[in-house]
Amino acid sequence: MTCVLPLENADGTVVNCDFYPIVINSLPNGFTAKSLLEYFRLNINLFSEPVCSFEPYKYSFFKFICRYR
């Protein structure tokens, strides 16, 4: 499910509108779609360095959901 929240309801500096769809025509040997996504998610810096690096972002998703119910 995708939704766009109005900026008028923004609370703080968290803005995340990044969406980069990709098409994978064939999976690497030994990977399922789920395991490839998990590998990429946990090792994203192997694919992005030295241009940039990523760190885990800690944000309370529960707090976010409850605020808009």
N, C-alpha and C. Protein backbone atom coordinates (compact mmCIF):
# COMPACT_ATOMS: atom_id res chain seq x y z
N MET A 1 0.84 -1.17 0.00
CA MET A 1 0.00 0.00 0.00
C MET A 1 0.88 1.23 0.00
N THR A 2 0.58 2.17 -0.85
CA THR A 2 1.32 3.42 -0.93
C THR A 2 0.37 4.56 -0.67
N CYS A 3 0.81 5.51 0.14
CA CYS A 3 -0.01 6.69 0.37
C CYS A 3 0.90 7.90 0.48
N VAL A 4 0.35 9.04 0.13
CA VAL A 4 1.08 10.29 0.25
C VAL A 4 0.34 11.14 1.26
N LEU A 5 1.03 11.54 2.29
CA LEU A 5 0.43 12.35 3.33
C LEU A 5 0.62 13.82 3.01
N PRO A 6 -0.35 14.66 3.33
CA PRO A 6 -0.22 16.09 3.07
C PRO A 6 0.92 16.70 3.89
N LEU A 7 1.67 17.59 3.28
CA LEU A 7 2.77 18.25 4.00
C LEU A 7 2.26 19.09 5.16
N GLU A 8 1.02 19.54 5.07
CA GLU A 8 0.45 20.33 6.16
C GLU A 8 0.40 19.53 7.45
N ASN A 9 0.36 18.21 7.35
CA ASN A 9 0.32 17.36 8.54
C ASN A 9 1.71 16.95 9.01
N ALA A 10 2.74 17.47 8.40
CA ALA A 10 4.11 17.09 8.74
C ALA A 10 4.43 17.50 10.17
N ASP A 11 5.17 16.65 10.83
CA ASP A 11 5.59 16.92 12.20
C ASP A 11 7.06 16.54 12.31
N GLY A 12 7.95 17.48 12.15
CA GLY A 12 9.38 17.19 12.24
C GLY A 12 10.04 17.26 10.88
N THR A 13 11.20 16.65 10.81
CA THR A 13 12.03 16.76 9.61
C THR A 13 12.04 15.49 8.77
N VAL A 14 11.22 14.50 9.12
CA VAL A 14 11.23 13.24 8.40
C VAL A 14 10.43 13.36 7.12
N VAL A 15 11.12 13.26 5.99
CA VAL A 15 10.47 13.26 4.69
C VAL A 15 11.10 12.14 3.89
N ASN A 16 10.30 11.21 3.45
CA ASN A 16 10.84 10.09 2.68
C ASN A 16 9.92 9.83 1.49
N CYS A 17 10.32 10.32 0.34
CA CYS A 17 9.52 10.14 -0.87
C CYS A 17 10.31 9.36 -1.93
N ASP A 18 11.38 8.72 -1.51
CA ASP A 18 12.21 8.00 -2.46
C ASP A 18 11.53 6.72 -2.91
N PHE A 19 11.50 6.52 -4.21
CA PHE A 19 10.95 5.28 -4.77
C PHE A 19 11.70 5.02 -6.06
N TYR A 20 12.48 3.97 -6.09
CA TYR A 20 13.29 3.64 -7.26
C TYR A 20 12.97 2.23 -7.71
N PRO A 21 11.98 2.08 -8.56
CA PRO A 21 11.63 0.72 -9.01
C PRO A 21 12.73 0.13 -9.90
N ILE A 22 12.93 -1.17 -9.78
CA ILE A 22 13.88 -1.87 -10.63
C ILE A 22 13.22 -3.13 -11.17
N VAL A 23 13.76 -3.64 -12.25
CA VAL A 23 13.28 -4.90 -12.82
C VAL A 23 14.44 -5.88 -12.79
N ILE A 24 14.21 -7.04 -12.22
CA ILE A 24 15.22 -8.10 -12.20
C ILE A 24 14.69 -9.22 -13.08
N ASN A 25 15.34 -9.41 -14.20
CA ASN A 25 14.89 -10.42 -15.16
C ASN A 25 15.27 -11.83 -14.77
N SER A 26 16.38 -11.99 -14.08
CA SER A 26 16.77 -13.31 -13.59
C SER A 26 17.54 -13.14 -12.29
N LEU A 27 17.27 -14.03 -11.36
CA LEU A 27 17.93 -13.96 -10.06
C LEU A 27 19.31 -14.59 -10.11
N PRO A 28 20.26 -14.06 -9.32
CA PRO A 28 21.57 -14.71 -9.22
C PRO A 28 21.41 -16.12 -8.64
N ASN A 29 22.31 -16.99 -9.00
CA ASN A 29 22.27 -18.36 -8.49
C ASN A 29 22.24 -18.37 -6.98
N GLY A 30 21.38 -19.21 -6.43
CA GLY A 30 21.30 -19.37 -4.98
C GLY A 30 20.39 -18.37 -4.28
N PHE A 31 19.77 -17.46 -5.01
CA PHE A 31 18.90 -16.45 -4.39
C PHE A 31 17.46 -16.65 -4.81
N THR A 32 16.57 -16.40 -3.86
CA THR A 32 15.15 -16.22 -4.17
C THR A 32 14.92 -14.71 -4.19
N ALA A 33 13.77 -14.29 -4.62
CA ALA A 33 13.47 -12.86 -4.62
C ALA A 33 13.58 -12.30 -3.20
N LYS A 34 13.04 -13.04 -2.24
CA LYS A 34 13.08 -12.60 -0.84
C LYS A 34 14.51 -12.54 -0.30
N SER A 35 15.30 -13.57 -0.58
CA SER A 35 16.67 -13.58 -0.04
C SER A 35 17.56 -12.54 -0.71
N LEU A 36 17.32 -12.25 -1.99
CA LEU A 36 18.10 -11.20 -2.67
C LEU A 36 17.77 -9.83 -2.08
N LEU A 37 16.49 -9.57 -1.84
CA LEU A 37 16.10 -8.30 -1.22
C LEU A 37 16.73 -8.17 0.16
N GLU A 38 16.70 -9.23 0.94
CA GLU A 38 17.29 -9.21 2.28
C GLU A 38 18.81 -8.99 2.21
N TYR A 39 19.48 -9.66 1.28
CA TYR A 39 20.92 -9.48 1.13
C TYR A 39 21.25 -8.04 0.75
N PHE A 40 20.51 -7.48 -0.19
CA PHE A 40 20.74 -6.10 -0.62
C PHE A 40 20.48 -5.13 0.53
N ARG A 41 19.39 -5.35 1.24
CA ARG A 41 19.04 -4.47 2.35
C ARG A 41 20.11 -4.46 3.43
N LEU A 42 20.65 -5.62 3.75
CA LEU A 42 21.65 -5.72 4.81
C LEU A 42 23.06 -5.35 4.36
N ASN A 43 23.30 -5.34 3.04
CA ASN A 43 24.64 -5.07 2.51
C ASN A 43 24.65 -3.93 1.50
N ILE A 44 23.75 -2.99 1.63
CA ILE A 44 23.60 -1.93 0.63
C ILE A 44 24.89 -1.14 0.43
N ASN A 45 25.69 -1.00 1.48
CA ASN A 45 26.94 -0.24 1.33
C ASN A 45 27.94 -0.92 0.40
N LEU A 46 27.84 -2.23 0.21
CA LEU A 46 28.71 -2.90 -0.76
C LEU A 46 28.44 -2.41 -2.18
N PHE A 47 27.23 -1.93 -2.43
CA PHE A 47 26.84 -1.49 -3.76
C PHE A 47 26.95 0.01 -3.95
N SER A 48 27.09 0.76 -2.87
CA SER A 48 27.06 2.22 -2.98
C SER A 48 28.39 2.91 -2.67
N GLU A 49 29.28 2.26 -1.95
CA GLU A 49 30.55 2.90 -1.60
C GLU A 49 31.47 2.92 -2.81
N PRO A 50 32.32 3.88 -3.01
CA PRO A 50 32.67 4.99 -2.11
C PRO A 50 31.82 6.23 -2.32
N VAL A 51 30.82 6.19 -3.19
CA VAL A 51 30.01 7.37 -3.48
C VAL A 51 29.23 7.83 -2.25
N CYS A 52 28.62 6.89 -1.55
CA CYS A 52 27.88 7.23 -0.33
C CYS A 52 27.78 5.99 0.53
N SER A 53 27.31 6.17 1.76
CA SER A 53 27.08 5.03 2.63
C SER A 53 25.80 5.29 3.42
N PHE A 54 25.21 4.22 3.89
CA PHE A 54 23.94 4.29 4.59
C PHE A 54 24.10 3.75 6.00
N GLU A 55 23.34 4.32 6.92
CA GLU A 55 23.29 3.85 8.30
C GLU A 55 21.84 3.56 8.64
N PRO A 56 21.59 2.67 9.59
CA PRO A 56 20.20 2.39 9.99
C PRO A 56 19.52 3.66 10.49
N TYR A 57 18.29 3.82 10.12
CA TYR A 57 17.50 4.97 10.56
C TYR A 57 16.53 4.48 11.62
N LYS A 58 16.55 5.11 12.77
CA LYS A 58 15.68 4.72 13.86
C LYS A 58 14.54 5.72 13.98
N TYR A 59 13.35 5.28 13.59
CA TYR A 59 12.16 6.11 13.68
C TYR A 59 11.02 5.23 14.14
N SER A 60 10.22 5.72 15.04
CA SER A 60 9.13 4.94 15.58
C SER A 60 7.98 4.85 14.57
N PHE A 61 7.92 3.73 13.85
CA PHE A 61 6.85 3.53 12.88
C PHE A 61 5.50 3.47 13.60
N PHE A 62 5.47 2.87 14.79
CA PHE A 62 4.23 2.79 15.55
C PHE A 62 3.71 4.19 15.86
N LYS A 63 4.59 5.08 16.26
CA LYS A 63 4.21 6.47 16.56
C LYS A 63 3.64 7.12 15.30
N PHE A 64 4.24 6.86 14.16
CA PHE A 64 3.81 7.44 12.89
C PHE A 64 2.41 6.96 12.54
N ILE A 65 2.15 5.67 12.62
CA ILE A 65 0.85 5.10 12.26
C ILE A 65 -0.24 5.61 13.21
N CYS A 66 0.02 5.62 14.49
CA CYS A 66 -0.99 6.01 15.46
C CYS A 66 -1.39 7.47 15.30
N ARG A 67 -0.49 8.32 14.88
CA ARG A 67 -0.77 9.73 14.75
C ARG A 67 -1.81 10.00 13.66
N TYR A 68 -1.89 9.14 12.65
CA TYR A 68 -2.78 9.38 11.52
C TYR A 68 -4.04 8.53 11.53
N ARG A 69 -4.32 7.86 12.61
CA ARG A 69 -5.54 7.04 12.69
C ARG A 69 -6.70 7.85 13.16
